[in-house]
């Protein structure tokens, strides 16, 4: 491999399966309390690459098998209860009324001046109308 990681993934760990090889690479200082043992050949082959060992660590595919009958058979409760929190307590009603009155106040402040101007316009329009009068002659 061109990169160190590629070289590592292509290499094998055969030295770690051999006790004499481990003795050659372990530290020789007496302060180390680490115990090095050879790897177990029954779990993986000494000739397996590090890449294949890494691949074996990851899940290739998830299989979901949902059977609710098994769940309810194992976890069947004796009785079922639940609580329902109502939002209509005193504080909620009070804040709702205050917010509605605030909204109505804003709407009325916008609508009333327009309605008054429209009412004046109608009144002025009716005053300007010329009404024909019929004179009664005897």
Foldseek 3Di string as FASTA:
>chain_A
DPDPVVVQQAAFQLLLQDPVSCVVPDDPDPVDPDDRDRDDCVVDHRRDGNNVVVVVVDDPDDDDDDDVVVVCVVPPDPDDDDDDDDQPDPVNVVVVVVVVVVVVVVVCVVVVVVVVVVVVVVVVVVVPDDDDDDDDDD
